[in-house]
Amino acid sequence: MSRSHLTVLETSAHRAPSAIAFKIPQSDASGATPLWRNITYQQFLLDVELTASHWSRIFRQERIPERSVIGLWIGGYSYNDVLNIYGVSRAGFIPQLFSLRLPNADVILELLTKTGARALIYEDVFESALRTWSLPIYRAASIEPAAGRSTLDLPPLPAAQNHEIAFYFHTSGSTSGSPKLVPCSYKWLDMTLQKSYQICTPKEQGRLDVSVWGGSMCHIFQNFCLLGWLQHNACIIQPVANPYTSDQLVDMIHHCGLNRLTIFGSFLSAHLRTSRLDSKLLAKLASLDEIVYTGLPLPREEESWAYSHGVRLRNVFGSTEVGALLVSIGGGGPDAGLLRPTDGVAYKFVPIAPAQSPGAHVSTARILELIVLAESGDCPDVSLRHSDGNFHTGDLFQEVAPGRYISEGRDDDWIKSESSLRCNTKTIEDNARAMCGNLISECIVVGNARPNPILVVEPGTDMDHNKLKIDIIRKTRQFHSRRYLHERITSPEMVIVVPPGSLPRTATKGNIRRKAVEDMYKTQIDRIFGRAL
């Protein structure tokens, strides 16, 4: 039987039943300083089993067979969300996970149809959108703490084979109007357990780390982290808000013993900027054993500043399809920020351009694409692979020392939002051109590390710019209503009109240079999102 999140939880609960698995915020009478309720590993296991018994009983009544796909449309930021996800899995079913950032019920139903899902578990906020569904729907269970096993009615722990599906995730960006399915097999899950074990190993031997929720359990990063923490009996803090403020971060370090921070790079940047003016916050950040961040890379100046002030950083470079791909060396040496693969994977770095002819100048900075080979345990489902059987990530790197890499961006048309979720710019551009006809001569989508994308257009007609923006939004509204919140362009304020022919283009093909446009209109984009200049 393959290892899984469930076998790891059982092992950890038996190894250290009284270790604290979660700290859950409970407001005091004043509502000012949160109190924290401790959930032990033994209690966590019992709560998962009680939740599993609840869903097993309901699905039997509905005659839904085990190994059926069950959708979960939930926030993913709470202990109760973890119980529902793990409980559905423990009951013998396959969770298909949707976050609240995908608020369109029609798209959810389409994706459930693709997997043959038999039911949907949902958060209350979406109840009105689901009333006409033919698929069985259920509110997410809210389970009282379990007293023991005597009343539980559970099947044996699922004996899964390597090729069987454990979870369905979805890419965080939309392709052709809908996110892409990411089936995750038990073989993939076993390799993910190996990688997360390495990355989450405590810095101090014998110490049980205390970390904090890094994102939604409906996305891969938080799942990956939880798998690593469980294997080391670490404690996970559920923050009072997500993202949390710098003051709330200090509270978690002070009151909860937080010693290992996991966070998206864009949110870490905000704390680092604050710490330049707040010596107390800087001291707290420097006191942490490590700050593990993912998603958008830190600007190099910001990264250097953090290292020079004793903040220990570690960058995990990953994707929904693979999980963690590369991890930085960490520590305080000159190679701290360089990336390397984790142990046990089978990757290849392939030049994106052919080798130069003899006698020609040889560049010392060749650009390489990272390819996950078919034999690697974390190679994604065959439906996501290239025709050669491997998974081509589209992520580009330079090898600056043997086996050590720095990122050089992507070779495709995706950007990452402020929350590190992906956005397909080409799809938005193609829709704008198709729907707006002669209104647009040319356009490009920018907005890397922003809450939402921005459409920059060269007009194809002589008309008032404000009216042009309104017409563009009106004509593209239906398209954007089906997309994730972080991918939507829904206001005329999110459209920038520039003079015809003014966008910077490449000399050879005349392609518009996305990064150059982003830099050129940075001040205007800052104003759109209310950023300080």
Protein backbone atom coordinates (compact mmCIF):
# COMPACT_ATOMS: atom_id res chain seq x y z
CA MET A 1 0.00 0.00 0.00
CA SER A 2 1.30 3.46 -0.90
CA ARG A 3 2.08 5.99 1.81
CA SER A 4 -0.39 8.83 2.04
CA HIS A 5 -1.46 11.80 4.12
CA LEU A 6 -3.64 9.38 6.09
CA THR A 7 -0.90 6.86 6.92
CA VAL A 8 1.40 9.75 7.88
CA LEU A 9 -1.25 11.18 10.22
CA GLU A 10 -1.77 7.80 11.91
CA THR A 11 1.99 7.31 12.34
CA SER A 12 2.49 10.81 13.76
CA ALA A 13 -0.47 10.48 16.16
CA HIS A 14 0.86 7.18 17.49
CA ARG A 15 4.44 8.50 17.76
CA ALA A 16 3.57 11.70 19.65
CA PRO A 17 -0.13 11.70 20.62
CA SER A 18 0.17 14.65 23.01
CA ALA A 19 2.20 16.88 20.65
CA ILE A 20 0.28 19.99 19.54
CA ALA A 21 -0.85 19.71 15.91
CA PHE A 22 -2.87 22.95 15.63
CA LYS A 23 -3.37 26.20 17.48
CA ILE A 24 -6.82 27.63 16.75
CA PRO A 25 -7.59 31.29 17.57
CA GLN A 26 -10.35 31.97 20.09
CA SER A 27 -11.20 35.64 20.77
CA ASP A 28 -11.22 36.77 24.38
CA ALA A 29 -14.00 38.90 25.84
CA SER A 30 -12.47 42.12 24.54
CA GLY A 31 -11.73 40.63 21.13
CA ALA A 32 -8.30 42.27 21.24
CA THR A 33 -5.76 39.51 21.83
CA PRO A 34 -6.66 36.04 20.55
CA LEU A 35 -6.49 33.04 22.84
CA TRP A 36 -5.32 29.80 21.29
CA ARG A 37 -6.97 26.40 21.62
CA ASN A 38 -4.54 23.51 21.27
CA ILE A 39 -5.41 20.44 19.17
CA THR A 40 -3.13 17.46 19.87
CA TYR A 41 -2.15 14.92 17.23
CA GLN A 42 -4.32 12.32 18.95
CA GLN A 43 -7.29 14.72 18.88
CA PHE A 44 -6.62 15.60 15.23
CA LEU A 45 -6.68 11.94 14.23
CA LEU A 46 -9.92 11.35 16.17
CA ASP A 47 -11.53 14.45 14.63
CA VAL A 48 -10.57 13.28 11.11
CA GLU A 49 -12.08 9.86 11.84
CA LEU A 50 -15.26 11.39 13.24
CA THR A 51 -15.59 13.61 10.14
CA ALA A 52 -14.94 10.56 7.95
CA SER A 53 -17.66 8.62 9.77
CA HIS A 54 -20.08 11.50 9.15
CA TRP A 55 -19.43 11.56 5.40
CA SER A 56 -19.27 7.78 5.08
CA ARG A 57 -22.75 7.49 6.58
CA ILE A 58 -24.20 10.23 4.34
CA PHE A 59 -22.68 8.88 1.12
CA ARG A 60 -23.85 5.34 1.90
CA GLN A 61 -27.39 6.68 2.29
CA GLU A 62 -27.04 8.33 -1.14
CA ARG A 63 -25.66 5.04 -2.58
CA ILE A 64 -22.44 6.79 -3.62
CA PRO A 65 -19.76 4.07 -3.91
CA GLU A 66 -16.31 4.39 -2.36
CA ARG A 67 -13.56 5.79 -4.62
CA SER A 68 -16.09 8.24 -6.09
CA VAL A 69 -14.99 11.85 -6.55
CA ILE A 70 -16.45 14.35 -4.07
CA GLY A 71 -16.05 18.08 -4.71
CA LEU A 72 -15.20 20.46 -1.86
CA TRP A 73 -15.84 24.19 -2.47
CA ILE A 74 -14.48 25.73 0.72
CA GLY A 75 -12.07 28.39 1.96
CA GLY A 76 -9.28 26.05 3.00
CA TYR A 77 -8.00 28.35 5.75
CA SER A 78 -9.41 26.65 8.86
CA TYR A 79 -8.95 23.51 10.93
CA ASN A 80 -12.51 22.53 10.04
CA ASP A 81 -11.60 22.68 6.34
CA VAL A 82 -8.70 20.27 6.95
CA LEU A 83 -11.09 17.91 8.73
CA ASN A 84 -13.52 17.91 5.80
CA ILE A 85 -10.77 17.28 3.22
CA TYR A 86 -9.01 14.56 5.21
CA GLY A 87 -12.35 13.17 6.41
CA VAL A 88 -13.68 12.68 2.87
CA SER A 89 -10.42 10.96 1.96
CA ARG A 90 -10.46 8.76 5.09
CA ALA A 91 -14.04 7.73 4.28
CA GLY A 92 -12.69 6.22 1.05
CA PHE A 93 -13.49 8.98 -1.46
CA ILE A 94 -11.41 11.25 -3.72
CA PRO A 95 -11.51 14.97 -2.85
CA GLN A 96 -11.70 17.44 -5.75
CA LEU A 97 -10.73 20.81 -4.28
CA PHE A 98 -12.03 24.27 -5.21
CA SER A 99 -11.15 27.44 -3.38
CA LEU A 100 -13.43 30.41 -2.81
CA ARG A 101 -11.30 32.32 -5.32
CA LEU A 102 -13.23 30.50 -8.07
CA PRO A 103 -16.73 31.88 -7.39
CA ASN A 104 -18.53 30.76 -10.56
CA ALA A 105 -20.89 27.83 -9.92
CA ASP A 106 -21.16 26.98 -13.65
CA VAL A 107 -17.39 26.50 -13.94
CA ILE A 108 -17.38 24.40 -10.76
CA LEU A 109 -20.10 22.15 -12.20
CA GLU A 110 -18.20 21.76 -15.50
CA LEU A 111 -15.05 20.68 -13.65
CA LEU A 112 -17.01 18.28 -11.44
CA THR A 113 -18.55 16.79 -14.58
CA LYS A 114 -15.09 16.16 -16.05
CA THR A 115 -14.11 13.98 -13.08
CA GLY A 116 -17.50 12.29 -12.77
CA ALA A 117 -17.95 13.69 -9.26
CA ARG A 118 -20.97 12.38 -7.35
CA ALA A 119 -21.52 15.20 -4.81
CA LEU A 120 -20.33 18.62 -3.67
CA ILE A 121 -19.51 19.81 -0.16
CA TYR A 122 -19.74 23.60 0.01
CA GLU A 123 -19.28 26.60 2.26
CA ASP A 124 -22.43 28.48 3.28
CA VAL A 125 -21.65 31.54 1.17
CA PHE A 126 -22.46 29.64 -2.05
CA GLU A 127 -25.73 28.01 -1.01
CA SER A 128 -27.97 30.27 -3.11
CA ALA A 129 -25.94 29.53 -6.28
CA LEU A 130 -26.40 25.77 -5.86
CA ARG A 131 -30.14 25.44 -5.27
CA THR A 132 -30.92 24.32 -8.83
CA TRP A 133 -28.13 21.74 -9.06
CA SER A 134 -29.01 18.13 -9.84
CA LEU A 135 -25.81 16.97 -8.11
CA PRO A 136 -26.23 16.20 -4.38
CA ILE A 137 -24.92 19.09 -2.29
CA TYR A 138 -24.03 19.25 1.40
CA ARG A 139 -22.84 21.95 3.74
CA ALA A 140 -19.32 21.44 5.04
CA ALA A 141 -19.45 19.45 8.28
CA SER A 142 -18.66 21.21 11.54
CA ILE A 143 -17.58 18.47 13.89
CA GLU A 144 -17.52 18.67 17.67
CA PRO A 145 -14.33 17.25 19.24
CA ALA A 146 -14.38 13.46 19.25
CA ALA A 147 -14.56 11.60 22.56
CA GLY A 148 -13.26 8.31 21.23
CA ARG A 149 -13.61 5.63 18.59
CA SER A 150 -16.50 3.66 20.04
CA THR A 151 -19.21 5.34 17.93
CA LEU A 152 -17.27 5.51 14.68
CA ASP A 153 -18.33 3.48 11.67
CA LEU A 154 -15.42 3.53 9.26
CA PRO A 155 -14.06 1.32 6.49
CA PRO A 156 -10.44 0.18 6.80
CA LEU A 157 -7.83 2.74 5.76
CA PRO A 158 -7.98 2.82 1.93
CA ALA A 159 -5.39 0.43 0.45
CA ALA A 160 -4.45 2.57 -2.53
CA GLN A 161 -2.22 1.59 -5.44
CA ASN A 162 0.40 3.88 -6.99
CA HIS A 163 -1.62 4.64 -10.13
CA GLU A 164 -4.86 5.50 -8.29
CA ILE A 165 -5.91 9.12 -7.80
CA ALA A 166 -5.64 10.60 -4.30
CA PHE A 167 -6.75 14.19 -5.04
CA TYR A 168 -7.85 16.47 -7.84
CA PHE A 169 -6.42 19.97 -7.71
CA HIS A 170 -6.75 22.69 -10.36
CA THR A 171 -4.26 25.08 -11.85
CA SER A 172 -4.55 28.52 -10.27
CA GLY A 173 -4.92 30.14 -13.71
CA SER A 174 -7.62 29.56 -16.31
CA THR A 175 -7.09 28.11 -19.78
CA SER A 176 -9.91 28.41 -22.35
CA GLY A 177 -12.19 29.91 -19.71
CA SER A 178 -11.66 27.22 -17.10
CA PRO A 179 -8.91 26.01 -14.74
CA LYS A 180 -7.11 22.83 -15.76
CA LEU A 181 -7.59 19.57 -13.84
CA VAL A 182 -4.52 18.31 -11.99
CA PRO A 183 -5.02 14.65 -11.00
CA CYS A 184 -2.59 13.62 -8.22
CA SER A 185 -1.85 9.91 -7.91
CA TYR A 186 -0.63 8.05 -4.82
CA LYS A 187 2.76 7.66 -6.51
CA TRP A 188 2.93 11.45 -6.89
CA LEU A 189 1.76 11.82 -3.29
CA ASP A 190 4.50 9.49 -2.00
CA MET A 191 7.17 11.58 -3.77
CA THR A 192 5.57 14.73 -2.38
CA LEU A 193 5.88 13.24 1.11
CA GLN A 194 9.58 12.66 0.49
CA LYS A 195 10.16 16.22 -0.73
CA SER A 196 8.11 17.86 2.01
CA TYR A 197 9.93 15.79 4.66
CA GLN A 198 13.25 17.22 3.46
CA ILE A 199 12.08 20.83 3.30
CA CYS A 200 10.25 20.74 6.66
CA THR A 201 12.99 19.01 8.66
CA PRO A 202 13.56 21.04 11.86
CA LYS A 203 16.74 23.11 12.00
CA GLU A 204 17.29 22.08 15.61
CA GLN A 205 17.40 18.33 16.26
CA GLY A 206 14.74 17.16 18.69
CA ARG A 207 12.73 20.36 18.41
CA LEU A 208 9.09 20.36 17.31
CA ASP A 209 8.64 23.33 14.99
CA VAL A 210 5.77 25.78 15.20
CA SER A 211 4.70 27.12 11.82
CA VAL A 212 1.70 28.97 10.41
CA TRP A 213 -0.91 28.48 7.69
CA GLY A 214 0.65 29.54 4.38
CA GLY A 215 -2.36 29.47 2.02
CA SER A 216 -5.58 27.65 1.20
CA MET A 217 -5.80 23.87 1.62
CA CYS A 218 -7.55 23.92 -1.76
CA HIS A 219 -4.21 24.80 -3.38
CA ILE A 220 -1.00 22.83 -3.47
CA PHE A 221 1.32 24.93 -1.26
CA GLN A 222 -0.58 24.54 2.01
CA ASN A 223 -1.16 20.83 1.33
CA PHE A 224 2.55 20.35 0.65
CA CYS A 225 3.51 22.14 3.88
CA LEU A 226 0.99 20.22 5.97
CA LEU A 227 2.38 16.91 4.66
CA GLY A 228 5.87 17.98 5.73
CA TRP A 229 4.80 19.27 9.14
CA LEU A 230 2.82 16.12 9.95
CA GLN A 231 5.88 13.95 9.36
CA HIS A 232 7.82 15.95 11.96
CA ASN A 233 4.96 16.39 14.48
CA ALA A 234 5.15 20.16 13.98
CA CYS A 235 2.45 22.56 15.17
CA ILE A 236 0.45 24.69 12.71
CA ILE A 237 -1.05 28.01 13.77
CA GLN A 238 -4.35 29.04 12.21
CA PRO A 239 -3.94 32.84 11.95
CA VAL A 240 -6.76 35.21 12.86
CA ALA A 241 -6.67 36.56 9.29
CA ASN A 242 -5.10 35.60 6.01
CA PRO A 243 -3.03 37.46 5.00
CA TYR A 244 -2.13 38.57 8.51
CA THR A 245 -0.67 41.92 9.54
CA SER A 246 2.85 42.42 10.86
CA ASP A 247 1.40 42.99 14.34
CA GLN A 248 -0.46 39.68 14.11
CA LEU A 249 2.75 37.99 12.99
CA VAL A 250 4.57 39.36 16.06
CA ASP A 251 1.71 38.09 18.26
CA MET A 252 2.09 34.57 16.83
CA ILE A 253 5.85 34.61 17.44
CA HIS A 254 5.37 35.91 20.99
CA HIS A 255 2.26 33.99 22.12
CA CYS A 256 2.46 30.79 20.06
CA GLY A 257 6.20 30.18 19.78
CA LEU A 258 6.22 30.51 15.99
CA ASN A 259 9.78 29.68 14.90
CA ARG A 260 9.43 28.70 11.24
CA LEU A 261 7.42 30.91 8.93
CA THR A 262 5.87 29.63 5.66
CA ILE A 263 4.51 32.40 3.45
CA PHE A 264 3.99 33.63 -0.10
CA GLY A 265 6.77 35.88 -1.35
CA SER A 266 4.50 38.86 -2.00
CA PHE A 267 3.22 38.82 1.60
CA LEU A 268 6.75 38.36 2.94
CA SER A 269 7.80 41.47 0.99
CA ALA A 270 5.18 43.50 2.84
CA HIS A 271 6.53 42.38 6.23
CA LEU A 272 10.12 43.07 5.16
CA ARG A 273 9.19 46.58 4.01
CA THR A 274 7.51 47.22 7.35
CA SER A 275 10.53 45.87 9.23
CA ARG A 276 12.78 48.53 7.68
CA LEU A 277 10.88 51.04 9.84
CA ASP A 278 10.10 48.74 12.77
CA SER A 279 13.13 47.40 14.64
CA LYS A 280 10.95 45.17 16.86
CA LEU A 281 9.51 43.39 13.81
CA LEU A 282 12.96 43.04 12.24
CA ALA A 283 14.30 41.48 15.46
CA LYS A 284 11.39 39.00 15.49
CA LEU A 285 11.96 38.05 11.84
CA ALA A 286 15.69 37.55 12.50
CA SER A 287 14.87 35.37 15.53
CA LEU A 288 13.04 32.79 13.38
CA ASP A 289 14.86 29.56 12.53
CA GLU A 290 13.85 30.04 8.91
CA ILE A 291 11.38 31.80 6.63
CA VAL A 292 10.24 29.47 3.86
CA TYR A 293 8.58 31.37 1.02
CA THR A 294 7.18 30.44 -2.37
CA GLY A 295 5.30 31.94 -5.30
CA LEU A 296 6.77 35.21 -6.51
CA PRO A 297 10.51 35.61 -5.92
CA LEU A 298 11.69 38.44 -3.72
CA PRO A 299 13.33 41.34 -5.54
CA ARG A 300 17.08 40.76 -5.33
CA GLU A 301 17.69 44.00 -3.45
CA GLU A 302 15.08 43.03 -0.88
CA GLU A 303 16.51 39.53 -0.55
CA SER A 304 20.03 40.92 -0.06
CA TRP A 305 18.78 43.38 2.55
CA ALA A 306 17.08 40.56 4.49
CA TYR A 307 20.21 38.39 4.46
CA SER A 308 22.37 41.32 5.55
CA HIS A 309 20.09 41.88 8.56
CA GLY A 310 20.20 38.28 9.75
CA VAL A 311 16.87 37.10 8.31
CA ARG A 312 17.24 33.46 7.25
CA LEU A 313 15.33 32.87 4.00
CA ARG A 314 14.61 29.75 1.99
CA ASN A 315 12.87 29.91 -1.38
CA VAL A 316 10.76 26.95 -2.54
CA PHE A 317 10.22 27.14 -6.31
CA GLY A 318 7.18 25.08 -7.27
CA SER A 319 4.02 24.58 -9.31
CA THR A 320 0.56 23.09 -8.86
CA GLU A 321 1.38 20.18 -11.13
CA VAL A 322 4.62 19.11 -9.40
CA GLY A 323 4.62 20.74 -5.98
CA ALA A 324 8.12 21.81 -4.90
CA LEU A 325 10.57 21.70 -7.82
CA LEU A 326 13.64 23.43 -6.43
CA VAL A 327 14.64 24.79 -3.04
CA SER A 328 17.30 27.36 -2.21
CA ILE A 329 20.37 26.44 -0.18
CA GLY A 330 19.37 28.70 2.69
CA GLY A 331 21.56 29.79 5.58
CA GLY A 332 23.71 32.89 5.48
CA GLY A 333 26.43 32.04 2.95
CA PRO A 334 26.95 33.61 -0.48
CA ASP A 335 25.07 30.70 -2.10
CA ALA A 336 22.04 30.99 0.22
CA GLY A 337 19.68 32.08 -2.57
CA LEU A 338 20.77 29.54 -5.20
CA LEU A 339 18.25 26.85 -6.13
CA ARG A 340 18.77 23.08 -6.27
CA PRO A 341 16.48 20.05 -6.74
CA THR A 342 15.43 18.04 -3.70
CA ASP A 343 16.88 14.54 -3.27
CA GLY A 344 15.31 11.61 -5.11
CA VAL A 345 13.82 13.40 -8.14
CA ALA A 346 14.69 12.95 -11.83
CA TYR A 347 14.91 16.32 -13.59
CA LYS A 348 16.71 17.59 -16.65
CA PHE A 349 17.76 21.15 -17.55
CA VAL A 350 17.63 21.59 -21.32
CA PRO A 351 18.96 24.61 -23.29
CA ILE A 352 16.13 26.47 -24.99
CA ALA A 353 18.40 27.40 -27.92
CA PRO A 354 20.64 25.05 -29.97
CA ALA A 355 24.33 24.84 -29.15
CA GLN A 356 26.47 27.45 -30.86
CA SER A 357 28.67 26.50 -33.79
CA PRO A 358 32.41 25.91 -33.23
CA GLY A 359 34.36 29.14 -33.04
CA ALA A 360 31.33 31.24 -32.13
CA HIS A 361 31.16 33.16 -28.89
CA VAL A 362 29.93 30.81 -26.16
CA SER A 363 27.66 32.45 -23.60
CA THR A 364 28.41 31.69 -19.98
CA ALA A 365 24.77 32.23 -19.13
CA ARG A 366 22.82 29.72 -21.20
CA ILE A 367 19.08 29.67 -20.50
CA LEU A 368 17.75 26.22 -19.52
CA GLU A 369 14.22 24.87 -19.25
CA LEU A 370 13.45 22.56 -16.33
CA ILE A 371 11.90 19.27 -17.44
CA VAL A 372 10.50 16.66 -15.04
CA LEU A 373 11.31 13.24 -16.47
CA ALA A 374 8.66 10.54 -16.71
CA GLU A 375 10.54 8.31 -14.26
CA SER A 376 10.50 10.97 -11.54
CA GLY A 377 7.99 10.12 -8.82
CA ASP A 378 6.57 13.65 -8.95
CA CYS A 379 6.02 13.72 -12.71
CA PRO A 380 2.38 14.83 -13.11
CA ASP A 381 -0.45 12.83 -14.61
CA VAL A 382 0.00 11.77 -18.24
CA SER A 383 -2.78 14.17 -19.27
CA LEU A 384 -0.45 17.05 -18.38
CA ARG A 385 2.73 15.76 -20.02
CA HIS A 386 4.42 16.64 -23.30
CA SER A 387 4.33 14.24 -26.25
CA ASP A 388 7.76 12.91 -25.21
CA GLY A 389 6.24 11.60 -21.97
CA ASN A 390 7.97 14.18 -19.77
CA PHE A 391 6.54 17.28 -18.09
CA HIS A 392 7.88 20.51 -19.57
CA THR A 393 7.56 23.14 -16.84
CA GLY A 394 8.20 26.22 -19.02
CA ASP A 395 10.35 27.56 -16.16
CA LEU A 396 13.72 28.94 -17.21
CA PHE A 397 17.01 28.99 -15.28
CA GLN A 398 20.70 29.71 -15.44
CA GLU A 399 23.16 27.24 -13.96
CA VAL A 400 25.57 29.53 -12.08
CA ALA A 401 27.48 26.71 -10.36
CA PRO A 402 27.32 22.91 -10.79
CA GLY A 403 23.82 21.87 -9.77
CA ARG A 404 22.95 25.40 -8.59
CA TYR A 405 20.45 27.60 -10.41
CA ILE A 406 18.83 31.03 -10.50
CA SER A 407 15.40 31.64 -12.02
CA GLU A 408 15.07 33.44 -15.35
CA GLY A 409 11.27 33.57 -15.48
CA ARG A 410 8.94 31.66 -17.84
CA ASP A 411 8.77 31.04 -21.54
CA ASP A 412 5.01 31.33 -21.82
CA ASP A 413 2.30 33.89 -21.35
CA TRP A 414 1.55 33.48 -17.66
CA ILE A 415 2.05 36.00 -14.86
CA LYS A 416 1.68 35.50 -11.10
CA SER A 417 -0.71 37.57 -9.04
CA GLU A 418 0.04 39.17 -5.68
CA SER A 419 -1.13 35.97 -3.96
CA SER A 420 1.15 33.88 -6.24
CA LEU A 421 -1.75 32.45 -8.26
CA ARG A 422 -1.22 32.19 -12.00
CA CYS A 423 -3.00 34.19 -14.68
CA ASN A 424 -3.04 33.38 -18.39
CA THR A 425 -2.45 36.74 -20.08
CA LYS A 426 -2.75 35.41 -23.63
CA THR A 427 -6.29 34.14 -23.07
CA ILE A 428 -7.38 37.57 -21.79
CA GLU A 429 -5.66 39.34 -24.69
CA ASP A 430 -7.20 37.01 -27.28
CA ASN A 431 -10.68 37.54 -25.82
CA ALA A 432 -10.25 41.34 -25.81
CA ARG A 433 -9.22 41.31 -29.47
CA ALA A 434 -12.07 38.97 -30.43
CA MET A 435 -14.81 40.81 -28.54
CA CYS A 436 -13.71 44.40 -29.10
CA GLY A 437 -12.99 44.20 -32.83
CA ASN A 438 -11.89 47.53 -34.28
CA LEU A 439 -11.94 49.24 -30.87
CA ILE A 440 -8.49 47.78 -30.14
CA SER A 441 -5.49 47.98 -32.43
CA GLU A 442 -3.20 46.07 -30.03
CA CYS A 443 -3.23 45.10 -26.36
CA ILE A 444 -1.21 43.42 -23.67
CA VAL A 445 -1.98 42.24 -20.14
CA VAL A 446 0.38 43.12 -17.30
CA GLY A 447 0.13 42.95 -13.51
CA ASN A 448 2.82 40.66 -12.17
CA ALA A 449 2.63 40.64 -8.34
CA ARG A 450 -0.57 42.72 -8.43
CA PRO A 451 -4.01 41.78 -7.04
CA ASN A 452 -5.46 41.67 -10.57
CA PRO A 453 -4.27 42.03 -14.16
CA ILE A 454 -4.31 45.30 -16.07
CA LEU A 455 -5.19 45.58 -19.78
CA VAL A 456 -3.06 48.08 -21.71
CA VAL A 457 -4.52 48.93 -25.12
CA GLU A 458 -3.58 50.89 -28.20
CA PRO A 459 -6.94 52.14 -29.57
CA GLY A 460 -8.10 51.17 -33.02
CA THR A 461 -10.51 54.06 -33.28
CA ASP A 462 -10.63 57.74 -32.43
CA MET A 463 -13.01 57.92 -29.47
CA ASP A 464 -13.11 59.22 -25.92
CA HIS A 465 -10.79 57.08 -23.79
CA ASN A 466 -13.23 56.76 -20.89
CA LYS A 467 -15.97 55.55 -23.24
CA LEU A 468 -13.49 53.14 -24.84
CA LYS A 469 -12.64 51.65 -21.43
CA ILE A 470 -16.33 51.23 -20.57
CA ASP A 471 -17.03 49.53 -23.91
CA ILE A 472 -14.11 47.12 -23.45
CA ILE A 473 -15.35 46.09 -19.98
CA ARG A 474 -18.91 45.68 -21.26
CA LYS A 475 -17.87 43.49 -24.20
CA THR A 476 -15.57 41.26 -22.09
CA ARG A 477 -17.74 41.02 -18.95
CA GLN A 478 -19.13 37.54 -19.62
CA PHE A 479 -15.64 36.13 -20.26
CA HIS A 480 -14.26 37.51 -16.99
CA SER A 481 -17.25 36.34 -14.94
CA ARG A 482 -16.07 32.75 -15.45
CA ARG A 483 -12.52 33.34 -14.27
CA TYR A 484 -10.83 33.27 -10.89
CA LEU A 485 -11.11 36.51 -8.92
CA HIS A 486 -7.37 37.18 -9.30
CA GLU A 487 -7.66 36.91 -13.12
CA ARG A 488 -10.56 39.29 -13.64
CA ILE A 489 -10.56 42.70 -15.28
CA THR A 490 -13.93 44.10 -14.22
CA SER A 491 -13.54 47.88 -13.98
CA PRO A 492 -12.69 50.60 -16.51
CA GLU A 493 -10.01 51.66 -14.01
CA MET A 494 -8.18 48.42 -14.87
CA VAL A 495 -7.80 49.45 -18.52
CA ILE A 496 -4.98 51.79 -19.58
CA VAL A 497 -5.27 53.46 -23.00
CA VAL A 498 -1.98 54.52 -24.60
CA PRO A 499 -1.16 56.22 -27.94
CA PRO A 500 -1.19 53.97 -31.03
CA GLY A 501 2.17 52.37 -31.73
CA SER A 502 3.67 53.50 -28.40
CA LEU A 503 4.02 50.12 -26.68
CA PRO A 504 7.63 48.84 -26.64
CA ARG A 505 8.23 46.03 -29.13
CA THR A 506 11.02 43.60 -29.97
CA ALA A 507 13.26 44.60 -32.85
CA THR A 508 12.98 41.33 -34.76
CA LYS A 509 9.38 40.10 -34.49
CA GLY A 510 7.70 43.25 -33.25
CA ASN A 511 6.22 41.45 -30.24
CA ILE A 512 5.13 43.71 -27.40
CA ARG A 513 7.53 43.40 -24.45
CA ARG A 514 5.42 42.63 -21.39
CA LYS A 515 8.09 43.43 -18.79
CA ALA A 516 8.95 46.72 -20.49
CA VAL A 517 5.27 47.74 -20.50
CA GLU A 518 5.00 46.80 -16.83
CA ASP A 519 7.99 49.01 -15.99
CA MET A 520 6.83 51.88 -18.22
CA TYR A 521 3.41 52.14 -16.57
CA LYS A 522 4.39 51.18 -13.03
CA THR A 523 3.40 54.55 -11.56
CA GLN A 524 -0.04 54.41 -13.15
CA ILE A 525 -0.57 50.81 -12.04
CA ASP A 526 0.47 51.77 -8.51
CA ARG A 527 -2.24 54.42 -8.51
CA ILE A 528 -4.86 51.95 -9.75
CA PHE A 529 -4.24 49.67 -6.77
CA GLY A 530 -3.79 52.50 -4.30
CA ARG A 531 -0.13 51.76 -3.70
CA ALA A 532 2.25 54.28 -2.19
CA LEU A 533 4.56 55.64 -4.85
